[in-house]
Amino acid sequence: MAKLKTRTANLYAIVGSDEAAVKREAAALAQKLAPAEAGEFGLETIDGAADNVEQAAGAIRSTIAALQTLPFFGGGKLVWLKSANFLSDDVK
């Protein structure tokens, strides 16, 4: 019987009221988690800033597509949904 190798995905959320600290921590975490062997192709950044529902839906679709796309050179990749302001408790 063949043993299947499973991969797990990790999800990180950096949140807070101090925008500068959140940006600093998120950038540091992205630098740490991005696969070094992939170079600039190991990090895909999706702009999550949205002013309305259509823009928020577009950011979500782009993020899902990035997660489903294989890394450019194989190995791993990091998908960063940056500045996702639609995840809070407002009408968006």
C-alpha atoms as a PDB file:
ATOM      1  CA  MET A   1       0.000   0.000   0.000  1.00  0.00           C
ATOM      2  CA  ALA A   2       1.470   3.352  -1.053  1.00  0.00           C
ATOM      3  CA  LYS A   3       1.736   6.064   1.530  1.00  0.00           C
ATOM      4  CA  LEU A   4       0.357   9.418   0.454  1.00  0.00           C
ATOM      5  CA  LYS A   5       2.296  12.531   1.315  1.00  0.00           C
ATOM      6  CA  THR A   6      -0.023  15.260   2.494  1.00  0.00           C
ATOM      7  CA  ARG A   7       0.736  18.956   2.553  1.00  0.00           C
ATOM      8  CA  THR A   8      -0.733  21.363   4.998  1.00  0.00           C
ATOM      9  CA  ALA A   9      -1.403  25.025   4.430  1.00  0.00           C
ATOM     10  CA  ASN A  10      -0.699  27.670   7.019  1.00  0.00           C
ATOM     11  CA  LEU A  11      -2.752  30.795   7.472  1.00  0.00           C
ATOM     12  CA  TYR A  12      -1.474  33.825   9.344  1.00  0.00           C
ATOM     13  CA  ALA A  13      -3.360  37.016  10.197  1.00  0.00           C
ATOM     14  CA  ILE A  14      -1.621  40.154  11.412  1.00  0.00           C
ATOM     15  CA  VAL A  15      -4.239  42.533  12.835  1.00  0.00           C
ATOM     16  CA  GLY A  16      -4.282  45.549  15.100  1.00  0.00           C
ATOM     17  CA  SER A  17      -5.107  49.208  15.469  1.00  0.00           C
ATOM     18  CA  ASP A  18      -1.520  50.436  14.935  1.00  0.00           C
ATOM     19  CA  GLU A  19      -1.308  50.402  11.133  1.00  0.00           C
ATOM     20  CA  ALA A  20       2.455  50.996  11.029  1.00  0.00           C
ATOM     21  CA  ALA A  21       3.145  48.107  13.414  1.00  0.00           C
ATOM     22  CA  VAL A  22       0.806  45.797  11.485  1.00  0.00           C
ATOM     23  CA  LYS A  23       2.559  46.620   8.193  1.00  0.00           C
ATOM     24  CA  ARG A  24       5.997  46.126   9.755  1.00  0.00           C
ATOM     25  CA  GLU A  25       5.084  42.771  11.321  1.00  0.00           C
ATOM     26  CA  ALA A  26       3.378  41.525   8.147  1.00  0.00           C
ATOM     27  CA  ALA A  27       6.378  42.439   5.983  1.00  0.00           C
ATOM     28  CA  ALA A  28       8.753  40.700   8.396  1.00  0.00           C
ATOM     29  CA  LEU A  29       6.590  37.570   8.446  1.00  0.00           C
ATOM     30  CA  ALA A  30       6.309  37.544   4.642  1.00  0.00           C
ATOM     31  CA  GLN A  31      10.086  37.799   4.315  1.00  0.00           C
ATOM     32  CA  LYS A  32      10.505  34.925   6.783  1.00  0.00           C
ATOM     33  CA  LEU A  33       7.893  32.647   5.157  1.00  0.00           C
ATOM     34  CA  ALA A  34       8.616  33.244   1.453  1.00  0.00           C
ATOM     35  CA  PRO A  35      10.645  30.344   0.036  1.00  0.00           C
ATOM     36  CA  ALA A  36      14.201  31.618  -0.463  1.00  0.00           C
ATOM     37  CA  GLU A  37      14.914  29.249  -3.349  1.00  0.00           C
ATOM     38  CA  ALA A  38      12.084  30.755  -5.422  1.00  0.00           C
ATOM     39  CA  GLY A  39      13.428  34.307  -5.262  1.00  0.00           C
ATOM     40  CA  GLU A  40      10.931  36.995  -6.243  1.00  0.00           C
ATOM     41  CA  PHE A  41       8.659  34.333  -7.753  1.00  0.00           C
ATOM     42  CA  GLY A  42       8.049  32.808  -4.311  1.00  0.00           C
ATOM     43  CA  LEU A  43       5.813  35.656  -3.138  1.00  0.00           C
ATOM     44  CA  GLU A  44       2.511  36.641  -4.741  1.00  0.00           C
ATOM     45  CA  THR A  45       0.933  39.750  -3.231  1.00  0.00           C
ATOM     46  CA  ILE A  46      -2.767  40.479  -3.669  1.00  0.00           C
ATOM     47  CA  ASP A  47      -3.966  44.008  -2.856  1.00  0.00           C
ATOM     48  CA  GLY A  48      -6.918  43.544  -0.516  1.00  0.00           C
ATOM     49  CA  ALA A  49      -7.851  47.203  -0.088  1.00  0.00           C
ATOM     50  CA  ALA A  50     -11.489  47.506  -1.151  1.00  0.00           C
ATOM     51  CA  ASP A  51     -13.939  50.410  -1.256  1.00  0.00           C
ATOM     52  CA  ASN A  52     -16.990  48.315  -2.124  1.00  0.00           C
ATOM     53  CA  VAL A  53     -18.309  44.771  -2.329  1.00  0.00           C
ATOM     54  CA  GLU A  54     -17.225  44.260  -5.952  1.00  0.00           C
ATOM     55  CA  GLN A  55     -13.606  45.141  -5.129  1.00  0.00           C
ATOM     56  CA  ALA A  56     -13.656  42.870  -2.059  1.00  0.00           C
ATOM     57  CA  ALA A  57     -15.035  39.999  -4.149  1.00  0.00           C
ATOM     58  CA  GLY A  58     -12.349  40.624  -6.764  1.00  0.00           C
ATOM     59  CA  ALA A  59      -9.603  40.446  -4.117  1.00  0.00           C
ATOM     60  CA  ILE A  60     -11.050  37.179  -2.812  1.00  0.00           C
ATOM     61  CA  ARG A  61     -11.220  35.703  -6.330  1.00  0.00           C
ATOM     62  CA  SER A  62      -7.626  36.775  -7.008  1.00  0.00           C
ATOM     63  CA  THR A  63      -6.475  35.221  -3.741  1.00  0.00           C
ATOM     64  CA  ILE A  64      -8.218  31.921  -4.458  1.00  0.00           C
ATOM     65  CA  ALA A  65      -6.722  31.844  -7.962  1.00  0.00           C
ATOM     66  CA  ALA A  66      -3.244  32.519  -6.548  1.00  0.00           C
ATOM     67  CA  LEU A  67      -3.651  29.728  -3.999  1.00  0.00           C
ATOM     68  CA  GLN A  68      -4.725  27.291  -6.716  1.00  0.00           C
ATOM     69  CA  THR A  69      -1.874  28.192  -9.076  1.00  0.00           C
ATOM     70  CA  LEU A  70       1.288  26.141  -8.818  1.00  0.00           C
ATOM     71  CA  PRO A  71       4.537  27.924  -7.961  1.00  0.00           C
ATOM     72  CA  PHE A  72       6.459  29.229 -10.985  1.00  0.00           C
ATOM     73  CA  PHE A  73       9.565  27.083 -10.402  1.00  0.00           C
ATOM     74  CA  GLY A  74       7.962  24.340  -8.323  1.00  0.00           C
ATOM     75  CA  GLY A  75       8.529  24.079  -4.598  1.00  0.00           C
ATOM     76  CA  GLY A  76       6.449  26.460  -2.536  1.00  0.00           C
ATOM     77  CA  LYS A  77       5.102  29.970  -2.647  1.00  0.00           C
ATOM     78  CA  LEU A  78       3.592  32.518  -0.313  1.00  0.00           C
ATOM     79  CA  VAL A  79       0.312  34.259  -1.154  1.00  0.00           C
ATOM     80  CA  TRP A  80      -0.112  37.524   0.768  1.00  0.00           C
ATOM     81  CA  LEU A  81      -3.532  39.177   0.892  1.00  0.00           C
ATOM     82  CA  LYS A  82      -2.222  42.603   1.843  1.00  0.00           C
ATOM     83  CA  SER A  83      -4.302  45.386   3.420  1.00  0.00           C
ATOM     84  CA  ALA A  84      -7.563  43.406   3.404  1.00  0.00           C
ATOM     85  CA  ASN A  85      -9.785  46.076   4.896  1.00  0.00           C
ATOM     86  CA  PHE A  86     -13.009  44.191   4.084  1.00  0.00           C
ATOM     87  CA  LEU A  87     -12.459  41.612   6.839  1.00  0.00           C
ATOM     88  CA  SER A  88     -13.638  43.985   9.568  1.00  0.00           C
ATOM     89  CA  ASP A  89     -17.089  44.679  10.972  1.00  0.00           C
ATOM     90  CA  ASP A  90     -18.328  47.189   8.412  1.00  0.00           C
ATOM     91  CA  VAL A  91     -20.872  47.076   5.611  1.00  0.00           C
ATOM     92  CA  LYS A  92     -18.423  45.649   3.041  1.00  0.00           C
END
